[in-house]
C-alpha atoms as a PDB file:
ATOM      1  CA  MET A   1       2.742  -9.617  14.558  1.00  0.00           C
ATOM      2  CA  THR A   2      -0.407  -9.027  12.484  1.00  0.00           C
ATOM      3  CA  TYR A   3       0.269  -5.331  12.056  1.00  0.00           C
ATOM      4  CA  LEU A   4       3.953  -5.923  11.370  1.00  0.00           C
ATOM      5  CA  TYR A   5       3.062  -8.364   8.585  1.00  0.00           C
ATOM      6  CA  LEU A   6       0.568  -5.867   7.193  1.00  0.00           C
ATOM      7  CA  LEU A   7       3.104  -3.038   7.313  1.00  0.00           C
ATOM      8  CA  VAL A   8       5.696  -5.172   5.504  1.00  0.00           C
ATOM      9  CA  ALA A   9       3.064  -6.085   2.882  1.00  0.00           C
ATOM     10  CA  ILE A  10       2.281  -2.389   2.356  1.00  0.00           C
ATOM     11  CA  VAL A  11       5.957  -1.468   2.012  1.00  0.00           C
ATOM     12  CA  PHE A  12       6.574  -4.230  -0.546  1.00  0.00           C
ATOM     13  CA  GLU A  13       3.456  -3.213  -2.472  1.00  0.00           C
ATOM     14  CA  THR A  14       4.535   0.428  -2.668  1.00  0.00           C
ATOM     15  CA  ILE A  15       8.055  -0.514  -3.761  1.00  0.00           C
ATOM     16  CA  GLY A  16       6.567  -2.852  -6.382  1.00  0.00           C
ATOM     17  CA  THR A  17       4.227  -0.189  -7.710  1.00  0.00           C
ATOM     18  CA  SER A  18       7.102   2.291  -7.856  1.00  0.00           C
ATOM     19  CA  GLY A  19       9.042  -0.292  -9.844  1.00  0.00           C
ATOM     20  CA  LEU A  20       6.092  -0.642 -12.182  1.00  0.00           C
ATOM     21  CA  GLN A  21       6.194   3.086 -12.872  1.00  0.00           C
ATOM     22  CA  ALA A  22       9.964   2.945 -13.356  1.00  0.00           C
ATOM     23  CA  SER A  23       9.648   0.008 -15.770  1.00  0.00           C
ATOM     24  CA  GLU A  24       8.167   2.420 -18.332  1.00  0.00           C
ATOM     25  CA  GLN A  25       5.373   0.130 -19.508  1.00  0.00           C
ATOM     26  CA  PHE A  26       7.422  -3.076 -19.163  1.00  0.00           C
ATOM     27  CA  THR A  27      10.351  -1.805 -21.251  1.00  0.00           C
ATOM     28  CA  LYS A  28      12.971  -1.845 -18.478  1.00  0.00           C
ATOM     29  CA  LEU A  29      13.760  -5.270 -17.071  1.00  0.00           C
ATOM     30  CA  ARG A  30      15.249  -4.431 -13.662  1.00  0.00           C
ATOM     31  CA  PRO A  31      12.319  -2.350 -12.402  1.00  0.00           C
ATOM     32  CA  LEU A  32       9.950  -4.959 -13.814  1.00  0.00           C
ATOM     33  CA  ALA A  33      11.771  -7.747 -11.940  1.00  0.00           C
ATOM     34  CA  LEU A  34      11.669  -5.624  -8.777  1.00  0.00           C
ATOM     35  CA  THR A  35       7.923  -5.229  -9.251  1.00  0.00           C
ATOM     36  CA  ALA A  36       7.349  -8.968  -9.580  1.00  0.00           C
ATOM     37  CA  VAL A  37       9.429  -9.840  -6.515  1.00  0.00           C
ATOM     38  CA  CYS A  38       7.879  -7.101  -4.405  1.00  0.00           C
ATOM     39  CA  TYR A  39       4.310  -7.974  -5.394  1.00  0.00           C
ATOM     40  CA  ALA A  40       4.940 -11.633  -4.548  1.00  0.00           C
ATOM     41  CA  ALA A  41       6.404 -10.657  -1.178  1.00  0.00           C
ATOM     42  CA  SER A  42       3.534  -8.251  -0.551  1.00  0.00           C
ATOM     43  CA  PHE A  43       0.904 -10.910  -1.164  1.00  0.00           C
ATOM     44  CA  TYR A  44       2.818 -13.386   1.003  1.00  0.00           C
ATOM     45  CA  PHE A  45       2.865 -10.986   3.954  1.00  0.00           C
ATOM     46  CA  LEU A  46      -0.740 -10.016   3.308  1.00  0.00           C
ATOM     47  CA  SER A  47      -1.631 -13.721   3.499  1.00  0.00           C
ATOM     48  CA  LEU A  48       0.083 -13.916   6.893  1.00  0.00           C
ATOM     49  CA  THR A  49      -1.996 -10.950   8.019  1.00  0.00           C
ATOM     50  CA  LEU A  50      -5.166 -12.775   7.005  1.00  0.00           C
ATOM     51  CA  ARG A  51      -4.503 -15.466   9.615  1.00  0.00           C
ATOM     52  CA  THR A  52      -5.848 -13.127  12.296  1.00  0.00           C
ATOM     53  CA  MET A  53      -7.432 -10.143  10.525  1.00  0.00           C
ATOM     54  CA  PRO A  54     -10.591 -10.221   8.389  1.00  0.00           C
ATOM     55  CA  VAL A  55      -9.843  -9.863   4.681  1.00  0.00           C
ATOM     56  CA  GLY A  56     -12.038  -6.778   4.229  1.00  0.00           C
ATOM     57  CA  ILE A  57     -10.315  -4.880   7.010  1.00  0.00           C
ATOM     58  CA  ALA A  58      -6.809  -6.000   6.005  1.00  0.00           C
ATOM     59  CA  TYR A  59      -7.409  -5.093   2.381  1.00  0.00           C
ATOM     60  CA  ALA A  60      -8.889  -1.700   3.289  1.00  0.00           C
ATOM     61  CA  ILE A  61      -5.801  -0.823   5.322  1.00  0.00           C
ATOM     62  CA  TRP A  62      -3.385  -2.346   2.779  1.00  0.00           C
ATOM     63  CA  SER A  63      -4.873  -0.576  -0.207  1.00  0.00           C
ATOM     64  CA  GLY A  64      -5.630   2.696   1.604  1.00  0.00           C
ATOM     65  CA  LEU A  65      -2.162   3.185   3.020  1.00  0.00           C
ATOM     66  CA  GLY A  66      -0.649   1.935  -0.226  1.00  0.00           C
ATOM     67  CA  ILE A  67      -2.525   4.652  -2.136  1.00  0.00           C
ATOM     68  CA  VAL A  68      -1.266   7.347   0.215  1.00  0.00           C
ATOM     69  CA  LEU A  69       2.332   6.099   0.113  1.00  0.00           C
ATOM     70  CA  ILE A  70       2.313   5.784  -3.681  1.00  0.00           C
ATOM     71  CA  ALA A  71       0.969   9.324  -3.990  1.00  0.00           C
ATOM     72  CA  LEU A  72       3.829  10.561  -1.789  1.00  0.00           C
ATOM     73  CA  ILE A  73       6.410   8.555  -3.748  1.00  0.00           C
ATOM     74  CA  GLY A  74       4.964   9.927  -6.990  1.00  0.00           C
ATOM     75  CA  LEU A  75       5.247  13.436  -5.594  1.00  0.00           C
ATOM     76  CA  ILE A  76       8.796  13.074  -4.273  1.00  0.00           C
ATOM     77  CA  TRP A  77      10.444  10.574  -6.626  1.00  0.00           C
ATOM     78  CA  PHE A  78       8.604  10.975  -9.915  1.00  0.00           C
ATOM     79  CA  GLY A  79       7.814  14.695  -9.644  1.00  0.00           C
ATOM     80  CA  GLN A  80       4.063  14.198  -9.964  1.00  0.00           C
ATOM     81  CA  LYS A  81       1.843  16.985  -8.652  1.00  0.00           C
ATOM     82  CA  LEU A  82      -1.077  16.712  -6.244  1.00  0.00           C
ATOM     83  CA  ASP A  83      -3.854  19.287  -6.431  1.00  0.00           C
ATOM     84  CA  MET A  84      -6.170  20.209  -3.561  1.00  0.00           C
ATOM     85  CA  PRO A  85      -8.865  17.604  -4.377  1.00  0.00           C
ATOM     86  CA  ALA A  86      -6.161  14.905  -4.412  1.00  0.00           C
ATOM     87  CA  LEU A  87      -4.843  16.068  -1.031  1.00  0.00           C
ATOM     88  CA  VAL A  88      -8.358  16.107   0.432  1.00  0.00           C
ATOM     89  CA  GLY A  89      -8.997  12.621  -0.927  1.00  0.00           C
ATOM     90  CA  LEU A  90      -5.752  11.311   0.552  1.00  0.00           C
ATOM     91  CA  ALA A  91      -6.649  12.889   3.906  1.00  0.00           C
ATOM     92  CA  LEU A  92     -10.014  11.111   3.777  1.00  0.00           C
ATOM     93  CA  ILE A  93      -8.282   7.795   3.074  1.00  0.00           C
ATOM     94  CA  ILE A  94      -6.019   8.321   6.086  1.00  0.00           C
ATOM     95  CA  ALA A  95      -9.062   9.230   8.178  1.00  0.00           C
ATOM     96  CA  GLY A  96     -10.787   6.038   7.047  1.00  0.00           C
ATOM     97  CA  VAL A  97      -7.806   3.887   8.005  1.00  0.00           C
ATOM     98  CA  LEU A  98      -7.684   5.608  11.410  1.00  0.00           C
ATOM     99  CA  VAL A  99     -11.408   5.024  11.983  1.00  0.00           C
ATOM    100  CA  ILE A 100     -11.001   1.336  11.147  1.00  0.00           C
ATOM    101  CA  ASN A 101      -8.017   0.953  13.454  1.00  0.00           C
ATOM    102  CA  LEU A 102      -9.283   3.026  16.363  1.00  0.00           C
ATOM    103  CA  PHE A 103     -12.969   2.161  16.433  1.00  0.00           C
ATOM    104  CA  SER A 104     -13.629  -1.097  14.603  1.00  0.00           C
ATOM    105  CA  LYS A 105     -14.143  -4.166  16.769  1.00  0.00           C
ATOM    106  CA  THR A 106     -13.523  -6.522  13.839  1.00  0.00           C
ATOM    107  CA  ILE A 107      -9.744  -6.043  13.960  1.00  0.00           C
ATOM    108  CA  ALA A 108      -7.590  -8.493  15.872  1.00  0.00           C
ATOM    109  CA  HIS A 109      -5.625  -6.543  18.466  1.00  0.00           C
END
């Protein structure tokens, strides 16, 4: 269940951040409300993850995958462009998350 909770936290965080972008600097109420609800849900599920996973590892995965997902949402939904250094950086983030998950002994399996 730990990874399921973490995945749900990541999904809520990315939806919330997308809502933040859509709120146009807090000028649109619906996206802003979506952001608040999603961030609250994200932190709730992240807290459930922390029952069995160290905070440093959970946060590294949560923030790393969130960055990658937000970059993809920005590319697809908001029409933002990614140059080669951005793509390389995102690939390194994914590699880091994989190293943590595949090789770290500090993760609860």
